[in-house]
Each structure stands twice: as C-alpha cells, then as structure tokens.
C-alpha cells in the first residue's frame, strides 16, 4: 500500500510539476552524493580540504538536501499546486542563509553556487506556474 501511494500519479501534470520533480531528483542525488562522499565536495567546488569535523557536517547537509529533494520529487509528481508554491518560496529563501555563509568564508564557492542557482530555479518554476 505504501509503495502504491508513492507511485501514484495524476493524469495531467503541469510543466511546473515536472520541473519541480526534476529539481527534486537533482537535490536528492546531490544530497546522497554528499552523504556518501563528503570529501568530494571540496574538490568539486574548489574549497579547502576538511581540517576538523566538516566531513560530518557535510554529511548532515547532504542528508537534509536529500530529504528536501525527496519531498520535491514526490510533490512534483502530484497535482497539488500548493506544494509547488511552497517549494518556490523555500528556494527563494536559500540566499538568505547561503550568501551570508559564503561571505563569512563557510564553503564560499559551494554556498554561493547554491545561493544563486536555487532561487533561479525557483523563479523559473514560478514563471511556469503562473502561466499554467
């Protein structure tokens, strides 16, 4: 029953729903990669190597990102506009945390990338949602 509920799909999904699902899969994959190989992140984003407990924190951030991705992916597969709208608001708020972290030197390249790309993804989804 749980598997059936997770795999249900409405007959018609909008482009905003599909884009949210795709973004969710990206966040899910990125988060799981961060969990499985946290030392890969400094290499990909040209950050300094870990010196303390950053590896554990990177795993935590990865897990949180994977959970968010899971909910976006599953939510995008539904016909609910409210979840799509909630995802847009959440993605527009990412720079409020990511950019100050980048400016303070906490994984500046990675935080800046997420602080810019996340709201752009949200704005594109918002534009598509408002057309449909």
N, C-alpha and C. Protein backbone atom coordinates (compact mmCIF):
# COMPACT_ATOMS: atom_id res chain seq x y z
N UNK A 1 0.81 -1.19 0.00
CA UNK A 1 0.00 0.00 0.00
C UNK A 1 0.86 1.26 0.00
N UNK A 2 1.93 1.28 0.79
CA UNK A 2 2.82 2.43 0.83
C UNK A 2 3.47 2.65 -0.53
N UNK A 3 3.96 1.58 -1.16
CA UNK A 3 4.58 1.70 -2.47
C UNK A 3 3.58 2.21 -3.50
N UNK A 4 2.36 1.72 -3.46
CA UNK A 4 1.33 2.19 -4.39
C UNK A 4 1.05 3.67 -4.19
N UNK A 5 0.99 4.10 -2.95
CA UNK A 5 0.74 5.51 -2.68
C UNK A 5 1.89 6.38 -3.19
N UNK A 6 3.12 5.91 -3.06
CA UNK A 6 4.28 6.67 -3.52
C UNK A 6 4.38 6.73 -5.03
N UNK A 7 3.84 5.76 -5.72
CA UNK A 7 3.96 5.72 -7.17
C UNK A 7 2.73 6.25 -7.91
N UNK A 8 1.71 6.68 -7.16
CA UNK A 8 0.53 7.26 -7.82
C UNK A 8 0.91 8.52 -8.57
N UNK A 9 0.28 8.70 -9.72
CA UNK A 9 0.48 9.91 -10.50
C UNK A 9 -0.86 10.38 -11.04
N UNK A 10 -1.12 11.67 -10.98
CA UNK A 10 -2.33 12.16 -11.61
C UNK A 10 -2.19 12.11 -13.13
N UNK A 11 -3.31 12.15 -13.82
CA UNK A 11 -3.28 12.05 -15.28
C UNK A 11 -2.55 13.23 -15.92
N UNK A 12 -2.80 14.42 -15.43
CA UNK A 12 -2.20 15.61 -16.06
C UNK A 12 -1.35 16.37 -15.05
N UNK A 13 -0.09 16.58 -15.42
CA UNK A 13 0.80 17.39 -14.59
C UNK A 13 1.28 18.57 -15.42
N UNK A 14 1.43 19.70 -14.78
CA UNK A 14 1.88 20.89 -15.49
C UNK A 14 3.41 20.86 -15.64
N UNK A 15 3.90 21.79 -16.43
CA UNK A 15 5.36 21.92 -16.59
C UNK A 15 6.01 22.27 -15.26
N UNK A 16 5.32 23.05 -14.44
CA UNK A 16 5.86 23.40 -13.12
C UNK A 16 6.01 22.16 -12.25
N UNK A 17 5.07 21.24 -12.34
CA UNK A 17 5.17 19.99 -11.59
C UNK A 17 6.37 19.17 -12.08
N UNK A 18 6.51 19.07 -13.38
CA UNK A 18 7.63 18.30 -13.94
C UNK A 18 8.97 18.93 -13.56
N UNK A 19 9.07 20.26 -13.63
CA UNK A 19 10.31 20.94 -13.26
C UNK A 19 10.63 20.74 -11.78
N UNK A 20 9.62 20.77 -10.94
CA UNK A 20 9.83 20.53 -9.51
C UNK A 20 10.32 19.11 -9.28
N UNK A 21 9.77 18.15 -9.99
CA UNK A 21 10.24 16.76 -9.87
C UNK A 21 11.69 16.63 -10.31
N UNK A 22 12.04 17.27 -11.39
CA UNK A 22 13.42 17.21 -11.89
C UNK A 22 14.37 17.86 -10.88
N UNK A 23 13.99 19.02 -10.36
CA UNK A 23 14.81 19.69 -9.35
C UNK A 23 14.95 18.80 -8.12
N UNK A 24 13.86 18.14 -7.74
CA UNK A 24 13.90 17.24 -6.59
C UNK A 24 14.87 16.09 -6.80
N UNK A 25 14.88 15.51 -7.99
CA UNK A 25 15.83 14.44 -8.28
C UNK A 25 17.27 14.93 -8.23
N UNK A 26 17.49 16.16 -8.70
CA UNK A 26 18.83 16.74 -8.63
C UNK A 26 19.26 16.92 -7.18
N UNK A 27 18.38 17.49 -6.34
CA UNK A 27 18.71 17.68 -4.92
C UNK A 27 18.90 16.35 -4.22
N UNK A 28 18.06 15.39 -4.54
CA UNK A 28 18.17 14.06 -3.93
C UNK A 28 19.52 13.43 -4.29
N UNK A 29 19.89 13.46 -5.55
CA UNK A 29 21.16 12.87 -5.99
C UNK A 29 22.35 13.62 -5.39
N UNK A 30 22.28 14.94 -5.39
CA UNK A 30 23.38 15.73 -4.81
C UNK A 30 23.51 15.45 -3.32
N UNK A 31 22.39 15.42 -2.61
CA UNK A 31 22.42 15.16 -1.18
C UNK A 31 22.97 13.79 -0.85
N UNK A 32 22.55 12.77 -1.59
CA UNK A 32 23.06 11.42 -1.35
C UNK A 32 24.55 11.33 -1.67
N UNK A 33 24.98 12.05 -2.69
CA UNK A 33 26.41 12.09 -3.01
C UNK A 33 27.19 12.74 -1.88
N UNK A 34 26.64 13.82 -1.32
CA UNK A 34 27.30 14.49 -0.20
C UNK A 34 27.38 13.55 1.01
N UNK A 35 26.37 12.75 1.22
CA UNK A 35 26.38 11.78 2.32
C UNK A 35 27.41 10.68 2.09
N UNK A 36 27.44 10.15 0.88
CA UNK A 36 28.30 9.01 0.57
C UNK A 36 29.76 9.41 0.39
N UNK A 37 30.00 10.58 -0.17
CA UNK A 37 31.37 11.01 -0.47
C UNK A 37 31.56 12.48 -0.12
N UNK A 38 31.51 12.82 1.17
CA UNK A 38 31.60 14.23 1.54
C UNK A 38 32.92 14.88 1.13
N UNK A 39 33.98 14.11 1.05
CA UNK A 39 35.28 14.68 0.67
C UNK A 39 35.34 15.06 -0.81
N UNK A 40 34.34 14.67 -1.57
CA UNK A 40 34.26 15.04 -2.97
C UNK A 40 33.84 16.51 -3.13
N UNK A 41 33.07 17.02 -2.19
CA UNK A 41 32.54 18.38 -2.31
C UNK A 41 33.63 19.45 -2.35
N UNK A 42 34.65 19.40 -1.48
CA UNK A 42 35.71 20.42 -1.60
C UNK A 42 36.44 20.35 -2.94
N UNK A 43 36.54 19.17 -3.50
CA UNK A 43 37.21 19.03 -4.79
C UNK A 43 36.35 19.65 -5.89
N UNK A 44 35.04 19.33 -5.89
CA UNK A 44 34.14 19.84 -6.94
C UNK A 44 33.97 21.35 -6.89
N UNK A 45 33.96 21.91 -5.68
CA UNK A 45 33.71 23.34 -5.53
C UNK A 45 34.96 24.15 -5.23
N UNK A 46 36.14 23.53 -5.38
CA UNK A 46 37.42 24.21 -5.16
C UNK A 46 37.50 24.86 -3.77
N UNK A 47 37.10 24.09 -2.79
CA UNK A 47 37.14 24.54 -1.40
C UNK A 47 38.37 23.93 -0.72
N UNK A 48 38.79 24.51 0.41
CA UNK A 48 39.89 23.88 1.16
C UNK A 48 39.48 22.50 1.67
N UNK A 49 40.45 21.63 1.85
CA UNK A 49 40.15 20.30 2.38
C UNK A 49 39.68 20.42 3.82
N UNK A 50 38.97 19.41 4.28
CA UNK A 50 38.45 19.40 5.63
C UNK A 50 39.61 19.33 6.63
N UNK A 51 39.48 20.07 7.73
CA UNK A 51 40.51 20.05 8.76
C UNK A 51 39.96 19.58 10.11
N UNK A 52 38.68 19.61 10.29
CA UNK A 52 38.09 19.22 11.56
C UNK A 52 36.95 18.26 11.35
N UNK A 53 35.81 18.68 11.81
CA UNK A 53 34.61 17.84 11.73
C UNK A 53 33.71 18.22 10.55
N UNK A 54 34.26 18.88 9.59
CA UNK A 54 33.46 19.32 8.45
C UNK A 54 32.85 18.15 7.68
N UNK A 55 33.54 17.02 7.66
CA UNK A 55 33.02 15.87 6.93
C UNK A 55 31.66 15.44 7.47
N UNK A 56 31.53 15.40 8.78
CA UNK A 56 30.24 15.06 9.39
C UNK A 56 29.17 16.09 9.11
N UNK A 57 29.55 17.35 9.15
CA UNK A 57 28.59 18.41 8.84
C UNK A 57 28.15 18.34 7.37
N UNK A 58 29.09 18.00 6.50
CA UNK A 58 28.75 17.87 5.08
C UNK A 58 27.78 16.71 4.88
N UNK A 59 27.95 15.63 5.62
CA UNK A 59 27.01 14.51 5.55
C UNK A 59 25.63 14.95 6.02
N UNK A 60 25.58 15.75 7.09
CA UNK A 60 24.30 16.24 7.59
C UNK A 60 23.62 17.15 6.56
N UNK A 61 24.37 18.07 5.99
CA UNK A 61 23.82 18.95 4.95
C UNK A 61 23.35 18.11 3.77
N UNK A 62 24.12 17.10 3.41
CA UNK A 62 23.72 16.22 2.31
C UNK A 62 22.44 15.48 2.62
N UNK A 63 22.29 15.00 3.85
CA UNK A 63 21.07 14.28 4.21
C UNK A 63 19.87 15.22 4.17
N UNK A 64 20.03 16.42 4.68
CA UNK A 64 18.94 17.40 4.64
C UNK A 64 18.57 17.71 3.19
N UNK A 65 19.58 17.88 2.35
CA UNK A 65 19.33 18.15 0.94
C UNK A 65 18.62 16.98 0.27
N UNK A 66 19.00 15.76 0.63
CA UNK A 66 18.36 14.57 0.05
C UNK A 66 16.89 14.49 0.47
N UNK A 67 16.60 14.80 1.71
CA UNK A 67 15.21 14.76 2.19
C UNK A 67 14.38 15.83 1.47
N UNK A 68 14.94 17.03 1.34
CA UNK A 68 14.23 18.09 0.60
C UNK A 68 14.00 17.65 -0.84
N UNK A 69 15.02 17.07 -1.46
CA UNK A 69 14.87 16.57 -2.82
C UNK A 69 13.81 15.51 -2.95
N UNK A 70 13.75 14.61 -1.96
CA UNK A 70 12.72 13.57 -1.97
C UNK A 70 11.33 14.19 -1.96
N UNK A 71 11.13 15.16 -1.06
CA UNK A 71 9.81 15.78 -0.98
C UNK A 71 9.47 16.58 -2.24
N UNK A 72 10.46 17.25 -2.83
CA UNK A 72 10.20 17.97 -4.07
C UNK A 72 9.88 17.00 -5.20
N UNK A 73 10.62 15.91 -5.27
CA UNK A 73 10.37 14.93 -6.33
C UNK A 73 8.98 14.33 -6.19
N UNK A 74 8.65 13.85 -5.01
CA UNK A 74 7.33 13.25 -4.81
C UNK A 74 6.24 14.31 -4.96
N UNK A 75 6.45 15.49 -4.41
CA UNK A 75 5.46 16.56 -4.52
C UNK A 75 5.23 17.02 -5.94
N UNK A 76 6.30 17.05 -6.74
CA UNK A 76 6.16 17.44 -8.13
C UNK A 76 5.38 16.42 -8.94
N UNK A 77 5.35 15.20 -8.46
CA UNK A 77 4.60 14.14 -9.16
C UNK A 77 3.11 14.20 -8.84
N UNK A 78 2.72 15.01 -7.88
CA UNK A 78 1.30 15.15 -7.53
C UNK A 78 0.69 16.29 -8.33
N UNK A 79 -0.57 16.48 -8.18
CA UNK A 79 -1.24 17.58 -8.88
C UNK A 79 -1.44 18.79 -7.96
N UNK A 80 -0.81 18.79 -6.79
CA UNK A 80 -1.00 19.87 -5.83
C UNK A 80 -0.18 21.10 -6.14
N UNK A 81 -0.84 22.19 -6.43
CA UNK A 81 -0.14 23.45 -6.70
C UNK A 81 0.47 24.04 -5.44
N UNK A 82 -0.12 23.73 -4.27
CA UNK A 82 0.39 24.33 -3.03
C UNK A 82 1.79 23.84 -2.71
N UNK A 83 2.10 22.58 -2.98
CA UNK A 83 3.45 22.09 -2.72
C UNK A 83 4.45 22.74 -3.67
N UNK A 84 4.06 22.93 -4.91
CA UNK A 84 4.93 23.60 -5.87
C UNK A 84 5.21 25.03 -5.41
N UNK A 85 4.16 25.72 -4.95
CA UNK A 85 4.32 27.09 -4.46
C UNK A 85 5.21 27.12 -3.22
N UNK A 86 5.04 26.16 -2.32
CA UNK A 86 5.88 26.10 -1.11
C UNK A 86 7.34 25.86 -1.48
N UNK A 87 7.58 25.03 -2.47
CA UNK A 87 8.95 24.79 -2.94
C UNK A 87 9.57 26.04 -3.53
N UNK A 88 8.77 26.83 -4.22
CA UNK A 88 9.27 28.09 -4.80
C UNK A 88 9.69 29.03 -3.67
N UNK A 89 8.84 29.19 -2.68
CA UNK A 89 9.16 30.09 -1.55
C UNK A 89 10.43 29.62 -0.85
N UNK A 90 10.56 28.32 -0.63
CA UNK A 90 11.75 27.78 0.05
C UNK A 90 13.01 28.05 -0.77
N UNK A 91 12.93 27.86 -2.08
CA UNK A 91 14.12 28.09 -2.91
C UNK A 91 14.47 29.55 -3.02
N UNK A 92 13.47 30.42 -2.97
CA UNK A 92 13.76 31.86 -2.99
C UNK A 92 14.41 32.32 -1.69
N UNK A 93 14.20 31.58 -0.61
CA UNK A 93 14.77 31.96 0.69
C UNK A 93 16.20 31.45 0.89
N UNK A 94 16.68 30.55 0.08
CA UNK A 94 18.01 29.97 0.25
C UNK A 94 19.11 31.03 0.32
N UNK A 95 19.10 32.08 -0.51
CA UNK A 95 20.17 33.07 -0.42
C UNK A 95 20.25 33.78 0.93
N UNK A 96 19.16 33.82 1.66
CA UNK A 96 19.18 34.48 2.97
C UNK A 96 20.14 33.79 3.93
N UNK A 97 20.38 32.51 3.72
CA UNK A 97 21.32 31.76 4.56
C UNK A 97 22.63 31.50 3.81
N UNK A 98 22.53 31.09 2.56
CA UNK A 98 23.71 30.66 1.81
C UNK A 98 24.68 31.81 1.52
N UNK A 99 24.19 32.95 1.13
CA UNK A 99 25.08 34.06 0.77
C UNK A 99 25.83 34.59 2.00
N UNK A 100 25.16 34.84 3.14
CA UNK A 100 25.94 35.24 4.32
C UNK A 100 26.98 34.20 4.74
N UNK A 101 26.64 32.91 4.62
CA UNK A 101 27.62 31.87 4.93
C UNK A 101 28.82 31.97 3.98
N UNK A 102 28.55 32.15 2.70
CA UNK A 102 29.64 32.28 1.73
C UNK A 102 30.50 33.49 2.05
N UNK A 103 29.87 34.60 2.39
CA UNK A 103 30.61 35.82 2.70
C UNK A 103 31.44 35.68 3.97
N UNK A 104 31.02 34.81 4.89
CA UNK A 104 31.78 34.61 6.12
C UNK A 104 32.88 33.56 5.95
N UNK A 105 32.96 32.96 4.77
CA UNK A 105 34.03 32.01 4.49
C UNK A 105 33.67 30.55 4.68
N UNK A 106 32.41 30.24 4.95
CA UNK A 106 31.97 28.86 5.12
C UNK A 106 31.68 28.28 3.74
N UNK A 107 32.56 27.44 3.26
CA UNK A 107 32.43 26.86 1.91
C UNK A 107 31.93 27.92 0.92
N UNK A 108 32.71 28.98 0.72
CA UNK A 108 32.20 30.12 -0.06
C UNK A 108 31.78 29.79 -1.48
N UNK A 109 32.53 28.95 -2.17
CA UNK A 109 32.16 28.64 -3.56
C UNK A 109 30.87 27.83 -3.61
N UNK A 110 30.79 26.80 -2.78
CA UNK A 110 29.60 25.95 -2.78
C UNK A 110 28.37 26.74 -2.35
N UNK A 111 28.48 27.52 -1.28
CA UNK A 111 27.33 28.28 -0.79
C UNK A 111 26.89 29.33 -1.80
N UNK A 112 27.84 29.94 -2.48
CA UNK A 112 27.48 30.92 -3.49
C UNK A 112 26.75 30.26 -4.66
N UNK A 113 27.21 29.10 -5.08
CA UNK A 113 26.54 28.37 -6.17
C UNK A 113 25.10 28.05 -5.78
N UNK A 114 24.90 27.48 -4.57
CA UNK A 114 23.54 27.17 -4.13
C UNK A 114 22.72 28.43 -3.90
N UNK A 115 23.37 29.48 -3.39
CA UNK A 115 22.67 30.73 -3.12
C UNK A 115 22.21 31.45 -4.37
N UNK A 116 22.81 31.15 -5.50
CA UNK A 116 22.41 31.77 -6.77
C UNK A 116 21.50 30.83 -7.58
N UNK A 117 21.89 29.57 -7.71
CA UNK A 117 21.14 28.65 -8.56
C UNK A 117 19.78 28.26 -7.99
N UNK A 118 19.68 28.12 -6.67
CA UNK A 118 18.42 27.73 -6.06
C UNK A 118 17.31 28.75 -6.33
N UNK A 119 17.53 30.04 -6.09
CA UNK A 119 16.46 30.99 -6.38
C UNK A 119 16.17 31.13 -7.88
N UNK A 120 17.18 30.94 -8.72
CA UNK A 120 16.92 30.98 -10.16
C UNK A 120 15.97 29.84 -10.53
N UNK A 121 16.21 28.66 -9.99
CA UNK A 121 15.32 27.53 -10.21
C UNK A 121 13.91 27.84 -9.71
N UNK A 122 13.82 28.47 -8.55
CA UNK A 122 12.52 28.86 -8.01
C UNK A 122 11.80 29.88 -8.88
N UNK A 123 12.55 30.86 -9.39
CA UNK A 123 11.94 31.88 -10.26
C UNK A 123 11.44 31.28 -11.58
N UNK A 124 12.21 30.35 -12.14
CA UNK A 124 11.79 29.70 -13.38
C UNK A 124 10.50 28.90 -13.12
N UNK A 125 10.48 28.18 -12.01
CA UNK A 125 9.28 27.41 -11.66
C UNK A 125 8.08 28.34 -11.43
N UNK A 126 8.32 29.45 -10.77
CA UNK A 126 7.25 30.43 -10.51
C UNK A 126 6.69 30.95 -11.83
N UNK A 127 7.57 31.27 -12.74
CA UNK A 127 7.14 31.78 -14.06
C UNK A 127 6.28 30.73 -14.78
N UNK A 128 6.73 29.50 -14.76
CA UNK A 128 5.99 28.42 -15.42
C UNK A 128 4.65 28.20 -14.71
N UNK A 129 4.66 28.22 -13.39
CA UNK A 129 3.42 28.03 -12.62
C UNK A 129 2.41 29.13 -12.92
N UNK A 130 2.88 30.36 -13.03
CA UNK A 130 1.97 31.47 -13.28
C UNK A 130 1.37 31.45 -14.69
N UNK A 131 2.04 30.78 -15.62
CA UNK A 131 1.50 30.66 -16.99
C UNK A 131 0.43 29.59 -17.08
N UNK A 132 0.52 28.58 -16.20
CA UNK A 132 -0.40 27.46 -16.32
C UNK A 132 -1.40 27.48 -15.26
